[in-house]
Each structure stands twice: as structure tokens, then as C-alpha cells.
Amino acid sequence: MDIFIGAEGGDLSGEITIRIGKDIAFGADEDYIVKTITINIPEGRRTHITLTFVPNQRSGGTFRGLFVQIDLISWGETWTMPSSYPPRLRIS
């Protein structure tokens, strides 16, 4: 999976956590992969992060698929892939 993070309005330095989560119907979602990295991006630039993983189960039943969440720890912000994404990252 390729993730691009850009700095707009100033330099971007600090820690981020990338989570690949399992979307569980009728229950709490679960973390599948969690990676924390330090970034230092000058204003107007962007960085490319590659996260490689192999899913351990197929979508079906209560497991609806995978989703991406990025926690910008140093700024107290979180971005999560919308649940309306058609569909979640389904594994077949």
C-alpha cells in the first residue's frame, strides 16, 4: 500500500501512526497492522510511505474488509478511510 503525505502551510515534522484495521460488523474494529514513523517534510513537499502486508483472512461474515487510519500524533489529528468507500478493502 502506498501512502503520500504532504506539507501545506508550513513544515511537517513529528510522529504518525498508520493503522490497517479490520472492519468487524456488529463489533469493535481490530488493528491488523500498526506502524509508527517519524516524518520531516518541508513545506510544499510530500513523502511516500510504502506499507507491505499480506491479509490473513478473506472478507465475509462479520469481517467486512480492511481500512486505513492515519493518526497524526504530534498534531492530535486522525484521518480514517470513509466507511462509505465502496467497499472497504475487500479480501477475496
PDB file of N, CA and C in Angstrom:
ATOM      1  N   MET A   1       0.850  -1.155   0.000  1.00  0.00           N
ATOM      2  CA  MET A   1       0.000   0.000   0.000  1.00  0.00           C
ATOM      3  C   MET A   1       0.902   1.226   0.000  1.00  0.00           C
ATOM      4  N   ASP A   2       0.584   2.175  -0.856  1.00  0.00           N
ATOM      5  CA  ASP A   2       1.343   3.422  -0.956  1.00  0.00           C
ATOM      6  C   ASP A   2       0.555   4.549  -0.304  1.00  0.00           C
ATOM      7  N   ILE A   3       1.238   5.303   0.543  1.00  0.00           N
ATOM      8  CA  ILE A   3       0.641   6.435   1.247  1.00  0.00           C
ATOM      9  C   ILE A   3       1.499   7.657   0.968  1.00  0.00           C
ATOM     10  N   PHE A   4       0.854   8.757   0.616  1.00  0.00           N
ATOM     11  CA  PHE A   4       1.551  10.017   0.357  1.00  0.00           C
ATOM     12  C   PHE A   4       1.066  11.047   1.363  1.00  0.00           C
ATOM     13  N   ILE A   5       2.005  11.710   2.027  1.00  0.00           N
ATOM     14  CA  ILE A   5       1.671  12.758   2.989  1.00  0.00           C
ATOM     15  C   ILE A   5       2.415  14.021   2.582  1.00  0.00           C
ATOM     16  N   GLY A   6       1.671  15.121   2.465  1.00  0.00           N
ATOM     17  CA  GLY A   6       2.263  16.379   2.028  1.00  0.00           C
ATOM     18  C   GLY A   6       2.179  17.455   3.095  1.00  0.00           C
ATOM     19  N   ALA A   7       3.091  18.422   3.009  1.00  0.00           N
ATOM     20  CA  ALA A   7       3.134  19.551   3.941  1.00  0.00           C
ATOM     21  C   ALA A   7       2.626  20.800   3.233  1.00  0.00           C
ATOM     22  N   GLU A   8       1.534  21.354   3.739  1.00  0.00           N
ATOM     23  CA  GLU A   8       0.964  22.576   3.186  1.00  0.00           C
ATOM     24  C   GLU A   8       0.845  23.600   4.300  1.00  0.00           C
ATOM     25  N   GLY A   9       1.289  24.811   4.053  1.00  0.00           N
ATOM     26  CA  GLY A   9       1.186  25.878   5.052  1.00  0.00           C
ATOM     27  C   GLY A   9       2.296  25.847   6.092  1.00  0.00           C
ATOM     28  N   GLY A  10       3.336  25.071   5.850  1.00  0.00           N
ATOM     29  CA  GLY A  10       4.459  25.010   6.779  1.00  0.00           C
ATOM     30  C   GLY A  10       5.092  23.631   6.762  1.00  0.00           C
ATOM     31  N   ASP A  11       6.237  23.529   7.419  1.00  0.00           N
ATOM     32  CA  ASP A  11       6.914  22.240   7.519  1.00  0.00           C
ATOM     33  C   ASP A  11       6.078  21.292   8.375  1.00  0.00           C
ATOM     34  N   LEU A  12       6.265  19.995   8.156  1.00  0.00           N
ATOM     35  CA  LEU A  12       5.521  18.968   8.879  1.00  0.00           C
ATOM     36  C   LEU A  12       6.530  18.002   9.482  1.00  0.00           C
ATOM     37  N   SER A  13       6.669  18.065  10.803  1.00  0.00           N
ATOM     38  CA  SER A  13       7.626  17.202  11.493  1.00  0.00           C
ATOM     39  C   SER A  13       6.963  16.592  12.710  1.00  0.00           C
ATOM     40  N   GLY A  14       7.168  15.307  12.908  1.00  0.00           N
ATOM     41  CA  GLY A  14       6.615  14.624  14.076  1.00  0.00           C
ATOM     42  C   GLY A  14       6.358  13.169  13.779  1.00  0.00           C
ATOM     43  N   GLU A  15       5.584  12.534  14.652  1.00  0.00           N
ATOM     44  CA  GLU A  15       5.272  11.118  14.501  1.00  0.00           C
ATOM     45  C   GLU A  15       3.877  10.912  13.939  1.00  0.00           C
ATOM     46  N   ILE A  16       3.760   9.885  13.104  1.00  0.00           N
ATOM     47  CA  ILE A  16       2.457   9.445  12.623  1.00  0.00           C
ATOM     48  C   ILE A  16       2.360   7.936  12.852  1.00  0.00           C
ATOM     49  N   THR A  17       1.140   7.476  13.046  1.00  0.00           N
ATOM     50  CA  THR A  17       0.888   6.044  13.144  1.00  0.00           C
ATOM     51  C   THR A  17      -0.063   5.663  12.026  1.00  0.00           C
ATOM     52  N   ILE A  18       0.322   4.657  11.260  1.00  0.00           N
ATOM     53  CA  ILE A  18      -0.516   4.131  10.184  1.00  0.00           C
ATOM     54  C   ILE A  18      -1.103   2.825  10.687  1.00  0.00           C
ATOM     55  N   ARG A  19      -2.414   2.738  10.630  1.00  0.00           N
ATOM     56  CA  ARG A  19      -3.113   1.531  11.085  1.00  0.00           C
ATOM     57  C   ARG A  19      -3.883   0.918   9.920  1.00  0.00           C
ATOM     58  N   ILE A  20      -3.721  -0.362   9.749  1.00  0.00           N
ATOM     59  CA  ILE A  20      -4.593  -1.124   8.869  1.00  0.00           C
ATOM     60  C   ILE A  20      -5.519  -1.858   9.821  1.00  0.00           C
ATOM     61  N   GLY A  21      -6.797  -1.546   9.740  1.00  0.00           N
ATOM     62  CA  GLY A  21      -7.763  -2.110  10.676  1.00  0.00           C
ATOM     63  C   GLY A  21      -8.699  -3.094  10.007  1.00  0.00           C
ATOM     64  N   LYS A  22      -9.214  -4.011  10.802  1.00  0.00           N
ATOM     65  CA  LYS A  22     -10.224  -4.953  10.341  1.00  0.00           C
ATOM     66  C   LYS A  22     -11.593  -4.370  10.678  1.00  0.00           C
ATOM     67  N   ASP A  23     -12.447  -4.235   9.666  1.00  0.00           N
ATOM     68  CA  ASP A  23     -13.811  -3.730   9.836  1.00  0.00           C
ATOM     69  C   ASP A  23     -14.682  -4.916  10.239  1.00  0.00           C
ATOM     70  N   ILE A  24     -15.098  -4.933  11.506  1.00  0.00           N
ATOM     71  CA  ILE A  24     -15.883  -6.032  12.044  1.00  0.00           C
ATOM     72  C   ILE A  24     -17.327  -5.567  12.233  1.00  0.00           C
ATOM     73  N   ALA A  25     -18.270  -6.243  11.555  1.00  0.00           N
ATOM     74  CA  ALA A  25     -19.688  -5.900  11.692  1.00  0.00           C
ATOM     75  C   ALA A  25     -20.168  -6.285  13.088  1.00  0.00           C
ATOM     76  N   PHE A  26     -20.973  -5.431  13.675  1.00  0.00           N
ATOM     77  CA  PHE A  26     -21.596  -5.688  14.978  1.00  0.00           C
ATOM     78  C   PHE A  26     -20.580  -5.888  16.104  1.00  0.00           C
ATOM     79  N   GLY A  27     -19.392  -5.344  15.945  1.00  0.00           N
ATOM     80  CA  GLY A  27     -18.372  -5.474  16.987  1.00  0.00           C
ATOM     81  C   GLY A  27     -17.317  -4.394  16.826  1.00  0.00           C
ATOM     82  N   ALA A  28     -16.366  -4.398  17.740  1.00  0.00           N
ATOM     83  CA  ALA A  28     -15.293  -3.415  17.690  1.00  0.00           C
ATOM     84  C   ALA A  28     -14.306  -3.768  16.580  1.00  0.00           C
ATOM     85  N   ASP A  29     -13.893  -2.744  15.828  1.00  0.00           N
ATOM     86  CA  ASP A  29     -12.868  -2.964  14.809  1.00  0.00           C
ATOM     87  C   ASP A  29     -11.569  -3.381  15.504  1.00  0.00           C
ATOM     88  N   GLU A  30     -10.701  -4.069  14.757  1.00  0.00           N
ATOM     89  CA  GLU A  30      -9.441  -4.554  15.313  1.00  0.00           C
ATOM     90  C   GLU A  30      -8.279  -4.020  14.498  1.00  0.00           C
ATOM     91  N   ASP A  31      -7.171  -3.700  15.178  1.00  0.00           N
ATOM     92  CA  ASP A  31      -5.941  -3.354  14.465  1.00  0.00           C
ATOM     93  C   ASP A  31      -5.348  -4.626  13.870  1.00  0.00           C
ATOM     94  N   TYR A  32      -4.917  -4.541  12.620  1.00  0.00           N
ATOM     95  CA  TYR A  32      -4.234  -5.670  11.974  1.00  0.00           C
ATOM     96  C   TYR A  32      -2.742  -5.369  11.845  1.00  0.00           C
ATOM     97  N   ILE A  33      -2.412  -4.185  11.334  1.00  0.00           N
ATOM     98  CA  ILE A  33      -1.034  -3.724  11.205  1.00  0.00           C
ATOM     99  C   ILE A  33      -0.966  -2.327  11.830  1.00  0.00           C
ATOM    100  N   VAL A  34       0.060  -2.067  12.633  1.00  0.00           N
ATOM    101  CA  VAL A  34       0.274  -0.737  13.205  1.00  0.00           C
ATOM    102  C   VAL A  34       1.746  -0.398  13.023  1.00  0.00           C
ATOM    103  N   LYS A  35       2.001   0.762  12.406  1.00  0.00           N
ATOM    104  CA  LYS A  35       3.380   1.196  12.179  1.00  0.00           C
ATOM    105  C   LYS A  35       3.486   2.680  12.533  1.00  0.00           C
ATOM    106  N   THR A  36       4.410   3.017  13.417  1.00  0.00           N
ATOM    107  CA  THR A  36       4.652   4.406  13.793  1.00  0.00           C
ATOM    108  C   THR A  36       5.984   4.841  13.201  1.00  0.00           C
ATOM    109  N   ILE A  37       5.971   6.004  12.550  1.00  0.00           N
ATOM    110  CA  ILE A  37       7.190   6.523  11.937  1.00  0.00           C
ATOM    111  C   ILE A  37       7.325   8.011  12.240  1.00  0.00           C
ATOM    112  N   THR A  38       8.540   8.494  12.149  1.00  0.00           N
ATOM    113  CA  THR A  38       8.821   9.918  12.289  1.00  0.00           C
ATOM    114  C   THR A  38       8.959  10.518  10.899  1.00  0.00           C
ATOM    115  N   ILE A  39       8.293  11.653  10.682  1.00  0.00           N
ATOM    116  CA  ILE A  39       8.380  12.319   9.389  1.00  0.00           C
ATOM    117  C   ILE A  39       8.958  13.716   9.566  1.00  0.00           C
ATOM    118  N   ASN A  40       9.565  14.218   8.523  1.00  0.00           N
ATOM    119  CA  ASN A  40      10.101  15.573   8.483  1.00  0.00           C
ATOM    120  C   ASN A  40       9.978  16.041   7.033  1.00  0.00           C
ATOM    121  N   ILE A  41       8.896  16.750   6.741  1.00  0.00           N
ATOM    122  CA  ILE A  41       8.585  17.143   5.373  1.00  0.00           C
ATOM    123  C   ILE A  41       8.619  18.667   5.261  1.00  0.00           C
ATOM    124  N   PRO A  42       9.461  19.212   4.385  1.00  0.00           N
ATOM    125  CA  PRO A  42       9.469  20.663   4.177  1.00  0.00           C
ATOM    126  C   PRO A  42       8.167  21.130   3.504  1.00  0.00           C
ATOM    127  N   GLU A  43       7.794  22.365   3.773  1.00  0.00           N
ATOM    128  CA  GLU A  43       6.589  22.948   3.174  1.00  0.00           C
ATOM    129  C   GLU A  43       6.607  22.775   1.655  1.00  0.00           C
ATOM    130  N   GLY A  44       5.451  22.391   1.110  1.00  0.00           N
ATOM    131  CA  GLY A  44       5.301  22.237  -0.329  1.00  0.00           C
ATOM    132  C   GLY A  44       5.804  20.910  -0.878  1.00  0.00           C
ATOM    133  N   ARG A  45       6.342  20.055  -0.019  1.00  0.00           N
ATOM    134  CA  ARG A  45       6.856  18.752  -0.453  1.00  0.00           C
ATOM    135  C   ARG A  45       5.951  17.654   0.087  1.00  0.00           C
ATOM    136  N   ARG A  46       6.190  16.438  -0.369  1.00  0.00           N
ATOM    137  CA  ARG A  46       5.456  15.304   0.165  1.00  0.00           C
ATOM    138  C   ARG A  46       6.388  14.108   0.273  1.00  0.00           C
ATOM    139  N   THR A  47       5.982  13.160   1.092  1.00  0.00           N
ATOM    140  CA  THR A  47       6.767  11.955   1.261  1.00  0.00           C
ATOM    141  C   THR A  47       5.935  10.747   0.870  1.00  0.00           C
ATOM    142  N   HIS A  48       6.610   9.701   0.477  1.00  0.00           N
ATOM    143  CA  HIS A  48       5.975   8.468   0.021  1.00  0.00           C
ATOM    144  C   HIS A  48       6.318   7.378   1.023  1.00  0.00           C
ATOM    145  N   ILE A  49       5.293   6.744   1.577  1.00  0.00           N
ATOM    146  CA  ILE A  49       5.480   5.652   2.529  1.00  0.00           C
ATOM    147  C   ILE A  49       4.865   4.403   1.917  1.00  0.00           C
ATOM    148  N   THR A  50       5.620   3.310   1.911  1.00  0.00           N
ATOM    149  CA  THR A  50       5.104   2.034   1.413  1.00  0.00           C
ATOM    150  C   THR A  50       4.948   1.098   2.602  1.00  0.00           C
ATOM    151  N   LEU A  51       3.753   0.542   2.731  1.00  0.00           N
ATOM    152  CA  LEU A  51       3.458  -0.419   3.786  1.00  0.00           C
ATOM    153  C   LEU A  51       3.052  -1.715   3.102  1.00  0.00           C
ATOM    154  N   THR A  52       3.851  -2.746   3.303  1.00  0.00           N
ATOM    155  CA  THR A  52       3.597  -4.034   2.660  1.00  0.00           C
ATOM    156  C   THR A  52       3.063  -5.017   3.702  1.00  0.00           C
ATOM    157  N   PHE A  53       1.975  -5.698   3.360  1.00  0.00           N
ATOM    158  CA  PHE A  53       1.406  -6.690   4.261  1.00  0.00           C
ATOM    159  C   PHE A  53       0.609  -7.709   3.450  1.00  0.00           C
ATOM    160  N   VAL A  54       0.349  -8.845   4.070  1.00  0.00           N
ATOM    161  CA  VAL A  54      -0.448  -9.907   3.449  1.00  0.00           C
ATOM    162  C   VAL A  54      -1.650 -10.155   4.357  1.00  0.00           C
ATOM    163  N   PRO A  55      -2.876  -9.964   3.852  1.00  0.00           N
ATOM    164  CA  PRO A  55      -4.062 -10.212   4.675  1.00  0.00           C
ATOM    165  C   PRO A  55      -4.087 -11.665   5.153  1.00  0.00           C
ATOM    166  N   ASN A  56      -4.643 -11.878   6.353  1.00  0.00           N
ATOM    167  CA  ASN A  56      -4.659 -13.222   6.912  1.00  0.00           C
ATOM    168  C   ASN A  56      -6.021 -13.893   6.862  1.00  0.00           C
ATOM    169  N   GLN A  57      -7.014 -13.223   6.248  1.00  0.00           N
ATOM    170  CA  GLN A  57      -8.323 -13.854   6.084  1.00  0.00           C
ATOM    171  C   GLN A  57      -9.091 -13.159   4.969  1.00  0.00           C
ATOM    172  N   ARG A  58     -10.091 -13.848   4.455  1.00  0.00           N
ATOM    173  CA  ARG A  58     -10.947 -13.302   3.396  1.00  0.00           C
ATOM    174  C   ARG A  58     -12.121 -12.547   4.010  1.00  0.00           C
ATOM    175  N   SER A  59     -12.622 -11.557   3.260  1.00  0.00           N
ATOM    176  CA  SER A  59     -13.816 -10.833   3.696  1.00  0.00           C
ATOM    177  C   SER A  59     -15.003 -11.782   3.650  1.00  0.00           C
ATOM    178  N   GLY A  60     -15.881 -11.626   4.603  1.00  0.00           N
ATOM    179  CA  GLY A  60     -17.093 -12.444   4.660  1.00  0.00           C
ATOM    180  C   GLY A  60     -17.563 -12.563   6.092  1.00  0.00           C
ATOM    181  N   GLY A  61     -18.817 -12.902   6.259  1.00  0.00           N
ATOM    182  CA  GLY A  61     -19.387 -12.991   7.600  1.00  0.00           C
ATOM    183  C   GLY A  61     -19.320 -11.645   8.283  1.00  0.00           C
ATOM    184  N   THR A  62     -18.778 -11.602   9.484  1.00  0.00           N
ATOM    185  CA  THR A  62     -18.684 -10.333  10.210  1.00  0.00           C
ATOM    186  C   THR A  62     -17.448  -9.522   9.823  1.00  0.00           C
ATOM    187  N   PHE A  63     -16.504 -10.137   9.081  1.00  0.00           N
ATOM    188  CA  PHE A  63     -15.311  -9.411   8.620  1.00  0.00           C
ATOM    189  C   PHE A  63     -15.612  -8.771   7.275  1.00  0.00           C
ATOM    190  N   ARG A  64     -15.827  -7.435   7.294  1.00  0.00           N
ATOM    191  CA  ARG A  64     -16.228  -6.723   6.079  1.00  0.00           C
ATOM    192  C   ARG A  64     -15.062  -6.305   5.213  1.00  0.00           C
ATOM    193  N   GLY A  65     -13.846  -6.304   5.741  1.00  0.00           N
ATOM    194  CA  GLY A  65     -12.684  -5.900   4.966  1.00  0.00           C
ATOM    195  C   GLY A  65     -11.738  -5.065   5.811  1.00  0.00           C
ATOM    196  N   LEU A  66     -10.752  -4.489   5.138  1.00  0.00           N
ATOM    197  CA  LEU A  66      -9.735  -3.692   5.816  1.00  0.00           C
ATOM    198  C   LEU A  66      -9.960  -2.201   5.543  1.00  0.00           C
ATOM    199  N   PHE A  67      -9.438  -1.364   6.423  1.00  0.00           N
ATOM    200  CA  PHE A  67      -9.486   0.079   6.205  1.00  0.00           C
ATOM    201  C   PHE A  67      -8.188   0.693   6.704  1.00  0.00           C
ATOM    202  N   VAL A  68      -7.938   1.926   6.290  1.00  0.00           N
ATOM    203  CA  VAL A  68      -6.719   2.632   6.654  1.00  0.00           C
ATOM    204  C   VAL A  68      -7.075   3.779   7.596  1.00  0.00           C
ATOM    205  N   GLN A  69      -6.263   3.932   8.635  1.00  0.00           N
ATOM    206  CA  GLN A  69      -6.380   5.072   9.543  1.00  0.00           C
ATOM    207  C   GLN A  69      -4.989   5.637   9.756  1.00  0.00           C
ATOM    208  N   ILE A  70      -4.860   6.945   9.693  1.00  0.00           N
ATOM    209  CA  ILE A  70      -3.583   7.602   9.934  1.00  0.00           C
ATOM    210  C   ILE A  70      -3.752   8.561  11.104  1.00  0.00           C
ATOM    211  N   ASP A  71      -2.998   8.301  12.169  1.00  0.00           N
ATOM    212  CA  ASP A  71      -3.011   9.162  13.352  1.00  0.00           C
ATOM    213  C   ASP A  71      -1.805  10.086  13.276  1.00  0.00           C
ATOM    214  N   LEU A  72      -2.070  11.381  13.208  1.00  0.00           N
ATOM    215  CA  LEU A  72      -1.019  12.393  13.210  1.00  0.00           C
ATOM    216  C   LEU A  72      -0.778  12.750  14.673  1.00  0.00           C
ATOM    217  N   ILE A  73       0.023  11.949  15.338  1.00  0.00           N
ATOM    218  CA  ILE A  73       0.209  12.012  16.783  1.00  0.00           C
ATOM    219  C   ILE A  73       0.633  13.394  17.249  1.00  0.00           C
ATOM    220  N   SER A  74       1.612  13.970  16.593  1.00  0.00           N
ATOM    221  CA  SER A  74       2.167  15.252  17.017  1.00  0.00           C
ATOM    222  C   SER A  74       1.165  16.399  16.902  1.00  0.00           C
ATOM    223  N   TRP A  75       0.095  16.214  16.148  1.00  0.00           N
ATOM    224  CA  TRP A  75      -0.889  17.281  15.928  1.00  0.00           C
ATOM    225  C   TRP A  75      -2.255  16.944  16.501  1.00  0.00           C
ATOM    226  N   GLY A  76      -2.422  15.742  17.063  1.00  0.00           N
ATOM    227  CA  GLY A  76      -3.705  15.348  17.636  1.00  0.00           C
ATOM    228  C   GLY A  76      -4.799  15.184  16.604  1.00  0.00           C
ATOM    229  N   GLU A  77      -4.447  14.822  15.377  1.00  0.00           N
ATOM    230  CA  GLU A  77      -5.411  14.659  14.289  1.00  0.00           C
ATOM    231  C   GLU A  77      -5.456  13.195  13.842  1.00  0.00           C
ATOM    232  N   THR A  78      -6.601  12.788  13.300  1.00  0.00           N
ATOM    233  CA  THR A  78      -6.763  11.436  12.763  1.00  0.00           C
ATOM    234  C   THR A  78      -7.513  11.505  11.456  1.00  0.00           C
ATOM    235  N   TRP A  79      -7.055  10.718  10.487  1.00  0.00           N
ATOM    236  CA  TRP A  79      -7.778  10.556   9.226  1.00  0.00           C
ATOM    237  C   TRP A  79      -8.106   9.071   9.104  1.00  0.00           C
ATOM    238  N   THR A  80      -9.371   8.783   8.793  1.00  0.00           N
ATOM    239  CA  THR A  80      -9.800   7.397   8.600  1.00  0.00           C
ATOM    240  C   THR A  80     -10.477   7.279   7.247  1.00  0.00           C
ATOM    241  N   MET A  81     -10.167   6.215   6.545  1.00  0.00           N
ATOM    242  CA  MET A  81     -10.815   5.921   5.267  1.00  0.00           C
ATOM    243  C   MET A  81     -12.327   5.871   5.506  1.00  0.00           C
ATOM    244  N   PRO A  82     -13.115   6.609   4.735  1.00  0.00           N
ATOM    245  CA  PRO A  82     -14.564   6.645   4.967  1.00  0.00           C
ATOM    246  C   PRO A  82     -15.191   5.253   4.888  1.00  0.00           C
ATOM    247  N   SER A  83     -16.130   4.966   5.798  1.00  0.00           N
ATOM    248  CA  SER A  83     -16.791   3.658   5.787  1.00  0.00           C
ATOM    249  C   SER A  83     -17.676   3.493   4.564  1.00  0.00           C
ATOM    250  N   SER A  84     -18.010   4.609   3.911  1.00  0.00           N
ATOM    251  CA  SER A  84     -18.842   4.538   2.708  1.00  0.00           C
ATOM    252  C   SER A  84     -18.034   4.188   1.470  1.00  0.00           C
ATOM    253  N   TYR A  85     -16.705   4.045   1.638  1.00  0.00           N
ATOM    254  CA  TYR A  85     -15.860   3.668   0.494  1.00  0.00           C
ATOM    255  C   TYR A  85     -16.399   2.366  -0.079  1.00  0.00           C
ATOM    256  N   PRO A  86     -16.742   2.344  -1.367  1.00  0.00           N
ATOM    257  CA  PRO A  86     -17.422   1.144  -1.906  1.00  0.00           C
ATOM    258  C   PRO A  86     -16.471   0.123  -2.501  1.00  0.00           C
ATOM    259  N   PRO A  87     -16.264  -0.970  -1.904  1.00  0.00           N
ATOM    260  CA  PRO A  87     -16.487  -1.302  -0.486  1.00  0.00           C
ATOM    261  C   PRO A  87     -15.220  -1.019   0.288  1.00  0.00           C
ATOM    262  N   ARG A  88     -15.199  -1.426   1.540  1.00  0.00           N
ATOM    263  CA  ARG A  88     -13.932  -1.433   2.269  1.00  0.00           C
ATOM    264  C   ARG A  88     -12.951  -2.221   1.422  1.00  0.00           C
ATOM    265  N   LEU A  89     -11.713  -2.278   1.813  1.00  0.00           N
ATOM    266  CA  LEU A  89     -10.744  -3.054   1.056  1.00  0.00           C
ATOM    267  C   LEU A  89     -11.080  -4.532   1.266  1.00  0.00           C
ATOM    268  N   ARG A  90     -11.871  -5.055   0.358  1.00  0.00           N
ATOM    269  CA  ARG A  90     -12.356  -6.441   0.497  1.00  0.00           C
ATOM    270  C   ARG A  90     -11.272  -7.417   0.053  1.00  0.00           C
ATOM    271  N   ILE A  91     -11.162  -8.508   0.775  1.00  0.00           N
ATOM    272  CA  ILE A  91     -10.175  -9.531   0.513  1.00  0.00           C
ATOM    273  C   ILE A  91     -10.900 -10.768  -0.017  1.00  0.00           C
ATOM    274  N   SER A  92     -10.503 -11.206  -1.206  1.00  0.00           N
ATOM    275  CA  SER A  92     -11.175 -12.397  -1.760  1.00  0.00           C
ATOM    276  C   SER A  92     -10.205 -13.533  -1.957  1.00  0.00           C
TER     277      SER A  92
END
